C-alpha atoms as a PDB file:
ATOM      1  CA  MET A   1      19.349   5.341  -0.164  1.00  0.00           C
ATOM      2  CA  LEU A   2      19.923   6.785  -3.833  1.00  0.00           C
ATOM      3  CA  SER A   3      15.912   5.338  -4.190  1.00  0.00           C
ATOM      4  CA  SER A   4      14.851   7.388  -1.675  1.00  0.00           C
ATOM      5  CA  GLY A   5      16.498  10.514  -3.386  1.00  0.00           C
ATOM      6  CA  LEU A   6      15.661   9.654  -6.550  1.00  0.00           C
ATOM      7  CA  GLN A   7      11.566   9.460  -6.032  1.00  0.00           C
ATOM      8  CA  PRO A   8      10.771  12.710  -4.764  1.00  0.00           C
ATOM      9  CA  VAL A   9      12.826  14.563  -7.833  1.00  0.00           C
ATOM     10  CA  VAL A  10      11.602  12.628 -10.473  1.00  0.00           C
ATOM     11  CA  SER A  11       7.540  12.260  -9.277  1.00  0.00           C
ATOM     12  CA  LEU A  12       7.797  15.850  -8.870  1.00  0.00           C
ATOM     13  CA  LEU A  13       8.989  16.759 -11.717  1.00  0.00           C
ATOM     14  CA  ALA A  14       6.498  14.335 -13.430  1.00  0.00           C
ATOM     15  CA  TYR A  15       3.780  15.396 -11.797  1.00  0.00           C
ATOM     16  CA  TRP A  16       4.341  19.566 -12.382  1.00  0.00           C
ATOM     17  CA  ILE A  17       4.793  18.864 -16.085  1.00  0.00           C
ATOM     18  CA  HIS A  18       2.260  17.141 -16.712  1.00  0.00           C
ATOM     19  CA  GLY A  19       0.547  14.911 -14.794  1.00  0.00           C
ATOM     20  CA  TYR A  20      -1.728  17.714 -13.034  1.00  0.00           C
ATOM     21  CA  ALA A  21      -2.678  18.851 -16.130  1.00  0.00           C
ATOM     22  CA  PHE A  22      -3.853  15.135 -16.859  1.00  0.00           C
ATOM     23  CA  ALA A  23      -5.106  14.558 -13.697  1.00  0.00           C
ATOM     24  CA  PHE A  24      -7.215  18.265 -12.765  1.00  0.00           C
ATOM     25  CA  GLY A  25      -6.927  19.959 -16.302  1.00  0.00           C
ATOM     26  CA  ASP A  26     -10.419  21.658 -16.685  1.00  0.00           C
ATOM     27  CA  GLN A  27     -11.994  19.374 -19.693  1.00  0.00           C
ATOM     28  CA  GLU A  28     -14.763  16.867 -20.094  1.00  0.00           C
ATOM     29  CA  ARG A  29     -12.205  14.209 -21.188  1.00  0.00           C
ATOM     30  CA  ILE A  30     -10.404  11.155 -19.927  1.00  0.00           C
ATOM     31  CA  ILE A  31      -7.471  13.373 -19.573  1.00  0.00           C
ATOM     32  CA  GLY A  32      -6.961  16.999 -18.889  1.00  0.00           C
ATOM     33  CA  SER A  33      -5.561  19.344 -21.143  1.00  0.00           C
ATOM     34  CA  LYS A  34      -4.426  22.544 -19.528  1.00  0.00           C
ATOM     35  CA  ASN A  35      -2.401  23.440 -16.682  1.00  0.00           C
ATOM     36  CA  PHE A  36       1.165  21.761 -17.968  1.00  0.00           C
ATOM     37  CA  PHE A  37       3.792  23.409 -15.951  1.00  0.00           C
ATOM     38  CA  THR A  38       0.976  24.599 -13.263  1.00  0.00           C
ATOM     39  CA  PHE A  39       0.491  27.180 -15.984  1.00  0.00           C
ATOM     40  CA  GLY A  40      -2.976  28.865 -15.703  1.00  0.00           C
ATOM     41  CA  ASN A  41      -5.524  29.045 -12.614  1.00  0.00           C
ATOM     42  CA  VAL A  42      -3.714  26.661 -10.600  1.00  0.00           C
ATOM     43  CA  ASN A  43      -4.631  26.125  -6.528  1.00  0.00           C
ATOM     44  CA  PHE A  44      -1.010  25.292  -5.396  1.00  0.00           C
ATOM     45  CA  SER A  45      -2.198  23.290  -2.272  1.00  0.00           C
ATOM     46  CA  HIS A  46      -4.565  21.388  -4.049  1.00  0.00           C
ATOM     47  CA  PHE A  47      -1.676  20.976  -5.846  1.00  0.00           C
ATOM     48  CA  PHE A  48       0.737  20.035  -3.081  1.00  0.00           C
ATOM     49  CA  PHE A  49      -1.598  17.284  -1.776  1.00  0.00           C
ATOM     50  CA  ASN A  50      -2.273  15.646  -4.704  1.00  0.00           C
ATOM     51  CA  TYR A  51       1.490  15.252  -5.133  1.00  0.00           C
ATOM     52  CA  ALA A  52       1.733  13.918  -2.001  1.00  0.00           C
ATOM     53  CA  ARG A  53      -0.583  11.526  -2.328  1.00  0.00           C
ATOM     54  CA  CYS A  54       1.428  10.603  -5.834  1.00  0.00           C
ATOM     55  CA  ALA A  55       4.600  10.337  -3.613  1.00  0.00           C
ATOM     56  CA  ILE A  56       3.505   7.572  -1.709  1.00  0.00           C
ATOM     57  CA  ILE A  57       2.698   5.448  -4.209  1.00  0.00           C
ATOM     58  CA  THR A  58       5.845   5.789  -6.095  1.00  0.00           C
ATOM     59  CA  THR A  59       7.681   5.059  -2.681  1.00  0.00           C
ATOM     60  CA  ILE A  60       4.940   1.899  -2.418  1.00  0.00           C
ATOM     61  CA  VAL A  61       6.434   0.604  -5.529  1.00  0.00           C
ATOM     62  CA  SER A  62      10.004   1.467  -4.390  1.00  0.00           C
ATOM     63  CA  GLY A  63       9.512  -0.624  -1.204  1.00  0.00           C
ATOM     64  CA  ALA A  64       8.705  -3.829  -3.434  1.00  0.00           C
ATOM     65  CA  ILE A  65      11.916  -3.491  -5.272  1.00  0.00           C
ATOM     66  CA  THR A  66      14.397  -2.411  -3.029  1.00  0.00           C
ATOM     67  CA  GLN A  67      18.011  -4.263  -3.653  1.00  0.00           C
ATOM     68  CA  LYS A  68      16.612  -5.357  -7.096  1.00  0.00           C
ATOM     69  CA  THR A  69      17.072  -2.838 -10.020  1.00  0.00           C
ATOM     70  CA  GLU A  70      19.325  -0.068 -11.235  1.00  0.00           C
ATOM     71  CA  PRO A  71      18.961   3.604 -10.010  1.00  0.00           C
ATOM     72  CA  ILE A  72      17.464   4.037 -13.565  1.00  0.00           C
ATOM     73  CA  GLY A  73      14.519   1.252 -12.537  1.00  0.00           C
ATOM     74  CA  TYR A  74      13.670   3.795  -9.957  1.00  0.00           C
ATOM     75  CA  ILE A  75      13.434   6.515 -12.339  1.00  0.00           C
ATOM     76  CA  ILE A  76      11.125   5.050 -15.052  1.00  0.00           C
ATOM     77  CA  SER A  77       9.307   3.564 -12.382  1.00  0.00           C
ATOM     78  CA  SER A  78       8.654   6.816 -10.626  1.00  0.00           C
ATOM     79  CA  TYR A  79       8.174   8.871 -13.693  1.00  0.00           C
ATOM     80  CA  ILE A  80       5.463   6.732 -15.624  1.00  0.00           C
ATOM     81  CA  LEU A  81       3.701   6.437 -11.665  1.00  0.00           C
ATOM     82  CA  ALA A  82       3.473  10.144 -11.343  1.00  0.00           C
ATOM     83  CA  GLY A  83       3.116  11.071 -14.858  1.00  0.00           C
ATOM     84  CA  PHE A  84       0.470   8.950 -15.817  1.00  0.00           C
ATOM     85  CA  VAL A  85      -0.911   5.905 -14.026  1.00  0.00           C
ATOM     86  CA  TYR A  86      -1.941   8.032 -10.692  1.00  0.00           C
ATOM     87  CA  PRO A  87      -3.288  11.311 -12.452  1.00  0.00           C
ATOM     88  CA  ILE A  88      -5.494   9.276 -15.123  1.00  0.00           C
ATOM     89  CA  VAL A  89      -6.791   7.174 -11.627  1.00  0.00           C
ATOM     90  CA  SER A  90      -7.325  10.170  -9.798  1.00  0.00           C
ATOM     91  CA  ARG A  91      -8.980  12.234 -12.385  1.00  0.00           C
ATOM     92  CA  SER A  92     -11.566   9.044 -12.454  1.00  0.00           C
ATOM     93  CA  PHE A  93     -12.327   9.480  -8.864  1.00  0.00           C
ATOM     94  CA  TRP A  94     -11.545  12.685  -7.604  1.00  0.00           C
ATOM     95  CA  HIS A  95     -12.324  14.925 -10.824  1.00  0.00           C
ATOM     96  CA  GLN A  96     -15.932  16.362 -10.970  1.00  0.00           C
ATOM     97  CA  SER A  97     -16.075  14.770 -14.238  1.00  0.00           C
ATOM     98  CA  GLY A  98     -14.177  11.209 -13.714  1.00  0.00           C
ATOM     99  CA  LEU A  99     -16.320   8.615 -14.312  1.00  0.00           C
ATOM    100  CA  PHE A 100     -16.342   7.076 -10.962  1.00  0.00           C
ATOM    101  CA  ASN A 101     -16.937  10.337  -9.611  1.00  0.00           C
ATOM    102  CA  ILE A 102     -19.273   9.969  -6.380  1.00  0.00           C
ATOM    103  CA  ASN A 103     -21.477  12.841  -7.249  1.00  0.00           C
ATOM    104  CA  LEU A 104     -22.054  11.345 -10.809  1.00  0.00           C
ATOM    105  CA  PRO A 105     -25.327   8.741 -10.828  1.00  0.00           C
ATOM    106  CA  MET A 106     -23.621   6.409 -13.156  1.00  0.00           C
ATOM    107  CA  PHE A 107     -20.622   4.226 -10.845  1.00  0.00           C
ATOM    108  CA  PRO A 108     -20.308   6.658  -8.060  1.00  0.00           C
ATOM    109  CA  ILE A 109     -17.732   5.107  -5.515  1.00  0.00           C
ATOM    110  CA  GLN A 110     -16.534   6.532  -2.573  1.00  0.00           C
ATOM    111  CA  ASP A 111     -12.837   6.793  -1.924  1.00  0.00           C
ATOM    112  CA  TYR A 112     -12.498   9.877   0.423  1.00  0.00           C
ATOM    113  CA  ALA A 113      -8.573   9.501   1.659  1.00  0.00           C
ATOM    114  CA  GLY A 114      -7.227   7.151  -1.104  1.00  0.00           C
ATOM    115  CA  SER A 115      -7.568   3.521  -0.225  1.00  0.00           C
ATOM    116  CA  GLY A 116      -8.024   2.757  -3.544  1.00  0.00           C
ATOM    117  CA  VAL A 117      -6.765   5.143  -5.925  1.00  0.00           C
ATOM    118  CA  VAL A 118      -3.319   5.530  -4.026  1.00  0.00           C
ATOM    119  CA  PHE A 119      -2.728   2.308  -2.179  1.00  0.00           C
ATOM    120  CA  LEU A 120      -4.265  -0.146  -4.052  1.00  0.00           C
ATOM    121  CA  VAL A 121      -2.821   1.381  -6.997  1.00  0.00           C
ATOM    122  CA  GLY A 122       0.390   1.425  -5.579  1.00  0.00           C
ATOM    123  CA  GLY A 123       0.179  -2.129  -4.093  1.00  0.00           C
ATOM    124  CA  THR A 124      -1.036  -3.458  -7.845  1.00  0.00           C
ATOM    125  CA  ALA A 125       1.685  -1.306  -9.093  1.00  0.00           C
ATOM    126  CA  ALA A 126       4.316  -3.346  -6.473  1.00  0.00           C
ATOM    127  CA  LEU A 127       2.870  -6.547  -7.356  1.00  0.00           C
ATOM    128  CA  ILE A 128       3.511  -5.992 -11.421  1.00  0.00           C
ATOM    129  CA  ALA A 129       7.248  -4.780 -10.405  1.00  0.00           C
ATOM    130  CA  SER A 130       8.131  -7.778  -8.367  1.00  0.00           C
ATOM    131  CA  PHE A 131       7.057 -10.033 -10.877  1.00  0.00           C
ATOM    132  CA  VAL A 132       9.212  -8.177 -13.326  1.00  0.00           C
ATOM    133  CA  THR A 133      12.134  -8.271 -11.185  1.00  0.00           C
ATOM    134  CA  ASN A 134      12.223 -11.366  -9.872  1.00  0.00           C
ATOM    135  CA  ALA A 135      13.445 -12.536  -6.454  1.00  0.00           C
ATOM    136  CA  ARG A 136      16.693 -11.374  -4.802  1.00  0.00           C
ATOM    137  CA  ALA A 137      19.380 -13.789  -5.199  1.00  0.00           C
ATOM    138  CA  VAL A 138      19.643 -14.810  -1.421  1.00  0.00           C
ATOM    139  CA  ARG A 139      16.044 -14.777  -0.511  1.00  0.00           C
ATOM    140  CA  TYR A 140      15.202 -18.268  -0.861  1.00  0.00           C
ATOM    141  CA  THR A 141      18.947 -19.319  -0.303  1.00  0.00           C
ATOM    142  CA  THR A 142      20.271 -18.658   2.582  1.00  0.00           C
ATOM    143  CA  PRO A 143      18.860 -19.343   6.289  1.00  0.00           C
ATOM    144  CA  THR A 144      19.514 -15.652   7.500  1.00  0.00           C
ATOM    145  CA  ILE A 145      18.671 -12.414   6.062  1.00  0.00           C
ATOM    146  CA  ASN A 146      18.819  -8.876   6.524  1.00  0.00           C
ATOM    147  CA  GLN A 147      21.258  -8.937   9.080  1.00  0.00           C
ATOM    148  CA  SER A 148      21.459  -5.237   9.469  1.00  0.00           C
ATOM    149  CA  TYR A 149      17.735  -4.815  10.019  1.00  0.00           C
ATOM    150  CA  SER A 150      16.579  -2.398  13.178  1.00  0.00           C
ATOM    151  CA  LEU A 151      13.560  -3.228  14.516  1.00  0.00           C
ATOM    152  CA  PRO A 152      13.879   0.083  16.672  1.00  0.00           C
ATOM    153  CA  LEU A 153      13.992   2.123  13.917  1.00  0.00           C
ATOM    154  CA  ALA A 154      11.151   0.076  12.178  1.00  0.00           C
ATOM    155  CA  VAL A 155       9.084   0.708  14.771  1.00  0.00           C
ATOM    156  CA  LEU A 156       9.817   4.530  14.530  1.00  0.00           C
ATOM    157  CA  GLY A 157       9.212   4.649  11.267  1.00  0.00           C
ATOM    158  CA  ALA A 158       5.873   2.738  11.514  1.00  0.00           C
ATOM    159  CA  PHE A 159       4.722   5.584  14.263  1.00  0.00           C
ATOM    160  CA  MET A 160       5.907   8.228  12.016  1.00  0.00           C
ATOM    161  CA  GLN A 161       3.917   7.058   9.157  1.00  0.00           C
ATOM    162  CA  ILE A 162       0.761   6.651  11.401  1.00  0.00           C
ATOM    163  CA  ILE A 163       1.008  10.253  12.596  1.00  0.00           C
ATOM    164  CA  GLY A 164       1.421  11.300   8.875  1.00  0.00           C
ATOM    165  CA  SER A 165      -1.601   9.519   8.022  1.00  0.00           C
ATOM    166  CA  LEU A 166      -3.543  12.008  10.698  1.00  0.00           C
ATOM    167  CA  GLY A 167      -2.626  14.408   7.992  1.00  0.00           C
ATOM    168  CA  PHE A 168      -3.117  13.016   4.943  1.00  0.00           C
ATOM    169  CA  VAL A 169      -6.918  12.087   5.959  1.00  0.00           C
ATOM    170  CA  VAL A 170      -7.731  15.508   7.764  1.00  0.00           C
ATOM    171  CA  GLY A 171      -6.187  17.230   4.643  1.00  0.00           C
ATOM    172  CA  ALA A 172      -8.217  14.759   2.329  1.00  0.00           C
ATOM    173  CA  GLN A 173     -11.308  17.141   3.393  1.00  0.00           C
ATOM    174  CA  GLY A 174      -9.785  19.979   1.367  1.00  0.00           C
ATOM    175  CA  HIS A 175     -10.785  22.858   3.489  1.00  0.00           C
ATOM    176  CA  ILE A 176     -11.412  23.059   7.308  1.00  0.00           C
ATOM    177  CA  THR A 177     -13.151  26.121   7.788  1.00  0.00           C
ATOM    178  CA  GLU A 178     -16.498  25.725   6.941  1.00  0.00           C
ATOM    179  CA  SER A 179     -19.422  24.739   9.487  1.00  0.00           C
ATOM    180  CA  GLY A 180     -18.969  20.896  10.260  1.00  0.00           C
ATOM    181  CA  ASP A 181     -15.229  20.370   8.920  1.00  0.00           C
ATOM    182  CA  GLY A 182     -14.058  20.191  12.497  1.00  0.00           C
ATOM    183  CA  GLN A 183     -15.883  17.063  13.484  1.00  0.00           C
ATOM    184  CA  LEU A 184     -15.720  15.578  10.636  1.00  0.00           C
ATOM    185  CA  ALA A 185     -12.151  15.641  10.531  1.00  0.00           C
ATOM    186  CA  SER A 186     -11.752  14.547  14.005  1.00  0.00           C
ATOM    187  CA  LEU A 187     -14.027  12.063  12.868  1.00  0.00           C
ATOM    188  CA  ALA A 188     -11.551  10.860  10.258  1.00  0.00           C
ATOM    189  CA  VAL A 189      -8.702  10.829  12.855  1.00  0.00           C
ATOM    190  CA  VAL A 190     -10.388   8.517  15.479  1.00  0.00           C
ATOM    191  CA  ASN A 191     -11.823   6.032  12.898  1.00  0.00           C
ATOM    192  CA  THR A 192      -7.907   6.154  11.545  1.00  0.00           C
ATOM    193  CA  LEU A 193      -6.672   5.443  15.033  1.00  0.00           C
ATOM    194  CA  LEU A 194      -9.188   2.866  15.729  1.00  0.00           C
ATOM    195  CA  SER A 195      -8.855   0.675  12.507  1.00  0.00           C
ATOM    196  CA  THR A 196      -5.131   0.788  12.984  1.00  0.00           C
ATOM    197  CA  GLY A 197      -4.995  -0.274  16.463  1.00  0.00           C
ATOM    198  CA  SER A 198      -7.605  -2.762  15.637  1.00  0.00           C
ATOM    199  CA  ALA A 199      -5.484  -4.425  12.747  1.00  0.00           C
ATOM    200  CA  GLY A 200      -2.247  -4.452  14.884  1.00  0.00           C
ATOM    201  CA  LEU A 201      -3.813  -6.237  17.798  1.00  0.00           C
ATOM    202  CA  TYR A 202      -5.787  -8.584  15.686  1.00  0.00           C
ATOM    203  CA  GLY A 203      -2.831  -9.160  13.598  1.00  0.00           C
ATOM    204  CA  LEU A 204      -0.913 -10.619  16.524  1.00  0.00           C
ATOM    205  CA  PHE A 205      -3.972 -12.852  17.723  1.00  0.00           C
ATOM    206  CA  PHE A 206      -4.118 -14.448  14.175  1.00  0.00           C
ATOM    207  CA  LEU A 207      -0.521 -15.051  14.352  1.00  0.00           C
ATOM    208  CA  ARG A 208      -0.747 -16.265  17.805  1.00  0.00           C
ATOM    209  CA  MET A 209      -3.158 -19.011  16.775  1.00  0.00           C
ATOM    210  CA  ARG A 210      -1.272 -19.867  13.675  1.00  0.00           C
ATOM    211  CA  ARG A 211       1.635 -20.261  14.645  1.00  0.00           C
ATOM    212  CA  ASP A 212       1.477 -19.910  18.550  1.00  0.00           C
ATOM    213  CA  THR A 213       3.925 -17.003  18.714  1.00  0.00           C
ATOM    214  CA  TYR A 214       4.459 -13.426  18.863  1.00  0.00           C
ATOM    215  CA  SER A 215       6.008 -10.700  16.190  1.00  0.00           C
ATOM    216  CA  ILE A 216       6.787  -7.226  16.278  1.00  0.00           C
ATOM    217  CA  PRO A 217       6.856  -6.669  12.641  1.00  0.00           C
ATOM    218  CA  ARG A 218       3.605  -8.418  12.154  1.00  0.00           C
ATOM    219  CA  LEU A 219       2.262  -5.688  14.541  1.00  0.00           C
ATOM    220  CA  ILE A 220       3.787  -3.039  12.637  1.00  0.00           C
ATOM    221  CA  ASN A 221       2.409  -4.422   9.254  1.00  0.00           C
ATOM    222  CA  SER A 222      -0.722  -5.275  10.479  1.00  0.00           C
ATOM    223  CA  ALA A 223      -1.737  -1.964  12.146  1.00  0.00           C
ATOM    224  CA  LEU A 224      -0.188  -0.203   8.649  1.00  0.00           C
ATOM    225  CA  THR A 225      -2.782  -2.261   6.523  1.00  0.00           C
ATOM    226  CA  GLY A 226      -5.433  -1.248   8.717  1.00  0.00           C
ATOM    227  CA  MET A 227      -4.602   2.386   8.284  1.00  0.00           C
ATOM    228  CA  VAL A 228      -4.491   2.008   4.571  1.00  0.00           C
ATOM    229  CA  ALA A 229      -7.902   0.268   4.664  1.00  0.00           C
ATOM    230  CA  VAL A 230     -10.119   3.082   6.382  1.00  0.00           C
ATOM    231  CA  CYS A 231      -9.180   5.668   4.778  1.00  0.00           C
ATOM    232  CA  ALA A 232     -12.087   5.054   1.902  1.00  0.00           C
ATOM    233  CA  GLY A 233     -14.723   5.562   4.219  1.00  0.00           C
ATOM    234  CA  ALA A 234     -12.833   7.563   7.215  1.00  0.00           C
ATOM    235  CA  ASN A 235     -15.352  10.348   7.187  1.00  0.00           C
ATOM    236  CA  LYS A 236     -18.225   8.403   7.196  1.00  0.00           C
ATOM    237  CA  TYR A 237     -17.786   5.372   8.998  1.00  0.00           C
ATOM    238  CA  LEU A 238     -19.039   4.724  12.646  1.00  0.00           C
ATOM    239  CA  PRO A 239     -16.029   4.114  14.868  1.00  0.00           C
ATOM    240  CA  ALA A 240     -17.423   0.603  15.791  1.00  0.00           C
ATOM    241  CA  LEU A 241     -17.044   0.046  11.982  1.00  0.00           C
ATOM    242  CA  ALA A 242     -13.574   1.328  11.505  1.00  0.00           C
ATOM    243  CA  VAL A 243     -12.897  -1.414  14.274  1.00  0.00           C
ATOM    244  CA  MET A 244     -14.446  -4.094  11.880  1.00  0.00           C
ATOM    245  CA  CYS A 245     -12.302  -2.638   9.378  1.00  0.00           C
ATOM    246  CA  GLY A 246      -9.015  -3.080  10.779  1.00  0.00           C
ATOM    247  CA  ALA A 247      -9.696  -6.742  12.111  1.00  0.00           C
ATOM    248  CA  SER A 248     -10.618  -7.672   8.182  1.00  0.00           C
ATOM    249  CA  ALA A 249      -7.807  -5.558   6.772  1.00  0.00           C
ATOM    250  CA  SER A 250      -5.521  -7.938   9.049  1.00  0.00           C
ATOM    251  CA  LEU A 251      -7.178 -11.165   7.776  1.00  0.00           C
ATOM    252  CA  LEU A 252      -6.319  -9.580   4.109  1.00  0.00           C
ATOM    253  CA  TYR A 253      -2.935  -8.978   4.915  1.00  0.00           C
ATOM    254  CA  MET A 254      -2.404 -12.366   6.456  1.00  0.00           C
ATOM    255  CA  ALA A 255      -3.670 -14.286   3.217  1.00  0.00           C
ATOM    256  CA  LEU A 256      -1.525 -11.800   0.780  1.00  0.00           C
ATOM    257  CA  GLU A 257       1.531 -12.452   3.016  1.00  0.00           C
ATOM    258  CA  HIS A 258       1.303 -15.833   3.118  1.00  0.00           C
ATOM    259  CA  LEU A 259       0.251 -16.197  -0.893  1.00  0.00           C
ATOM    260  CA  CYS A 260       3.677 -13.821  -1.481  1.00  0.00           C
ATOM    261  CA  THR A 261       5.534 -16.265   0.336  1.00  0.00           C
ATOM    262  CA  VAL A 262       3.951 -19.555  -1.474  1.00  0.00           C
ATOM    263  CA  THR A 263       4.360 -18.269  -5.067  1.00  0.00           C
ATOM    264  CA  LYS A 264       8.089 -16.984  -4.070  1.00  0.00           C
ATOM    265  CA  ILE A 265       6.955 -13.063  -4.563  1.00  0.00           C
ATOM    266  CA  ASP A 266       9.803 -11.354  -3.024  1.00  0.00           C
ATOM    267  CA  ASP A 267       8.351  -8.684  -1.371  1.00  0.00           C
ATOM    268  CA  PRO A 268      11.117  -6.960   0.917  1.00  0.00           C
ATOM    269  CA  THR A 269       9.084  -5.017   2.974  1.00  0.00           C
ATOM    270  CA  ASP A 270       5.577  -6.719   2.814  1.00  0.00           C
ATOM    271  CA  THR A 271       4.441  -3.754   0.266  1.00  0.00           C
ATOM    272  CA  ILE A 272       2.295  -5.684  -1.601  1.00  0.00           C
ATOM    273  CA  ALA A 273       0.242  -7.172   1.210  1.00  0.00           C
ATOM    274  CA  LYS A 274      -0.077  -4.109   3.065  1.00  0.00           C
ATOM    275  CA  HIS A 275      -1.597  -2.015   0.090  1.00  0.00           C
ATOM    276  CA  GLU A 276      -3.667  -4.720  -2.336  1.00  0.00           C
ATOM    277  CA  GLU A 277      -5.804  -5.593   0.140  1.00  0.00           C
ATOM    278  CA  GLY A 278      -8.969 -15.819   6.307  1.00  0.00           C
ATOM    279  CA  LYS A 279      -8.375 -19.347   5.859  1.00  0.00           C
ATOM    280  CA  HIS A 280     -10.487 -20.200   3.584  1.00  0.00           C
ATOM    281  CA  LEU A 281      -9.010 -17.912   1.295  1.00  0.00           C
ATOM    282  CA  ILE A 282      -6.124 -18.901   1.617  1.00  0.00           C
ATOM    283  CA  GLY A 283      -6.902 -22.794   1.296  1.00  0.00           C
ATOM    284  CA  PHE A 284      -8.858 -21.698  -1.684  1.00  0.00           C
ATOM    285  CA  LEU A 285      -5.725 -20.105  -3.283  1.00  0.00           C
ATOM    286  CA  GLU A 286      -3.602 -22.786  -2.414  1.00  0.00           C
ATOM    287  CA  LYS A 287      -5.585 -25.418  -4.252  1.00  0.00           C
ATOM    288  CA  TRP A 288      -5.601 -23.248  -7.114  1.00  0.00           C
ATOM    289  CA  LEU A 289      -2.097 -22.965  -7.376  1.00  0.00           C
ATOM    290  CA  GLN A 290      -1.910 -26.821  -6.819  1.00  0.00           C
ATOM    291  CA  LYS A 291      -4.514 -27.350  -9.703  1.00  0.00           C
ATOM    292  CA  SER A 292      -3.171 -24.295 -12.323  1.00  0.00           C
ATOM    293  CA  LEU A 293       0.548 -25.300 -11.728  1.00  0.00           C
ATOM    294  CA  GLY A 294       0.791 -29.096 -10.616  1.00  0.00           C
ATOM    295  CA  LEU A 295       2.754 -28.383  -7.412  1.00  0.00           C
ATOM    296  CA  GLU A 296       3.045 -29.246  -3.799  1.00  0.00           C
ATOM    297  CA  LEU A 297       3.942 -26.788  -1.339  1.00  0.00           C
ATOM    298  CA  GLU A 298       5.891 -27.084   1.386  1.00  0.00           C
ATOM    299  CA  LEU A 299       5.746 -23.692   3.730  1.00  0.00           C
ATOM    300  CA  GLY A 300       8.321 -22.778   6.492  1.00  0.00           C
ATOM    301  CA  LEU A 301       7.703 -20.055   9.534  1.00  0.00           C
ATOM    302  CA  LEU A 302       9.238 -17.004   9.521  1.00  0.00           C
ATOM    303  CA  SER A 303      10.477 -15.773  13.210  1.00  0.00           C
ATOM    304  CA  VAL A 304      12.149 -13.186  15.016  1.00  0.00           C
ATOM    305  CA  GLU A 305      15.564 -14.083  16.826  1.00  0.00           C
ATOM    306  CA  GLN A 306      17.309 -12.324  19.304  1.00  0.00           C
ATOM    307  CA  GLY A 307      19.436  -9.248  18.503  1.00  0.00           C
ATOM    308  CA  HIS A 308      16.444  -8.439  15.530  1.00  0.00           C
ATOM    309  CA  GLN A 309      17.576 -11.009  13.257  1.00  0.00           C
ATOM    310  CA  PHE A 310      15.158 -12.332  10.763  1.00  0.00           C
ATOM    311  CA  ALA A 311      15.672 -16.163  10.645  1.00  0.00           C
ATOM    312  CA  MET A 312      13.786 -18.564   8.184  1.00  0.00           C
ATOM    313  CA  GLN A 313      13.095 -21.729   9.309  1.00  0.00           C
ATOM    314  CA  GLY A 314      12.349 -24.107   6.519  1.00  0.00           C
ATOM    315  CA  LEU A 315      12.520 -21.157   3.799  1.00  0.00           C
ATOM    316  CA  GLY A 316      14.317 -23.004   1.352  1.00  0.00           C
ATOM    317  CA  ARG A 317      10.799 -24.283  -0.010  1.00  0.00           C
ATOM    318  CA  THR A 318      10.315 -27.400  -2.319  1.00  0.00           C
ATOM    319  CA  CYS A 319       7.913 -27.130  -5.268  1.00  0.00           C
ATOM    320  CA  THR A 320       7.884 -30.502  -6.376  1.00  0.00           C
ATOM    321  CA  PRO A 321       5.612 -32.181  -9.202  1.00  0.00           C
ATOM    322  CA  ALA A 322       2.183 -33.083  -7.553  1.00  0.00           C
ATOM    323  CA  GLN A 323       1.590 -36.804  -7.533  1.00  0.00           C
ATOM    324  CA  SER A 324      -0.583 -38.304  -9.818  1.00  0.00           C
END
């Protein structure tokens, strides 16, 4: 609870003091040098929308380190991400002189609403944070985890996030009154919903094929992965392509979730798998781990019991030296 209060305060101050200036200060440099403390000619709607993007990154990271760090950890990570990391990356893609701006001929990259600038950056930072903080002591030693977990609240939160993403993709356009804006905004909304729904259904389908079971958390996490993946081109994709985007995103989610489990990267909310975006990838990663680390890995299954309690079957995985 404390982290949820610290993040918006710290990230807003960092972005207001110098983050926005670094990102969109009017200079032909790697980072801007104007508009500190929002002084000067600042479009405050532009500031607010980009702060909202910035706050998403800090939230992603906090999900990966929840229950694993002191409040000072949330403060430091939020300030660094909001004051330095996001501003530099967002300038590279969304500033008119950015290295990867789509209007420049050198390295043009399409990222309409932040699949890479927001979610991939957040997922990568979450992965690094998970390595630094290590796993919770009870994560791999107790057969039952998260006793207070509320599945109805998780579903409600997921729907709130999906609804919020619609404003996210519409607002990414920056205006809504010019000719053709309504059609483009509508296309972005439809593509977002199609990718989200497709990823959720395919996630359940793949889980059924692999473990002969169904899981509401898998449906939620897969759907959110599809929502994240389509943001880069939601304003340009054909609807059929958005469906394919969701299906492929659910495969990547399963692969990365499996990898985090194998390597015992403690990610309480599957943050890394959802934002860092089948079988062949999983097999390749397992072989690489065995060859590089000399380990034989035995996996268990994660299932949901009645009463909305998670139980780990065989979660006490063993990592023994590979036989020569």
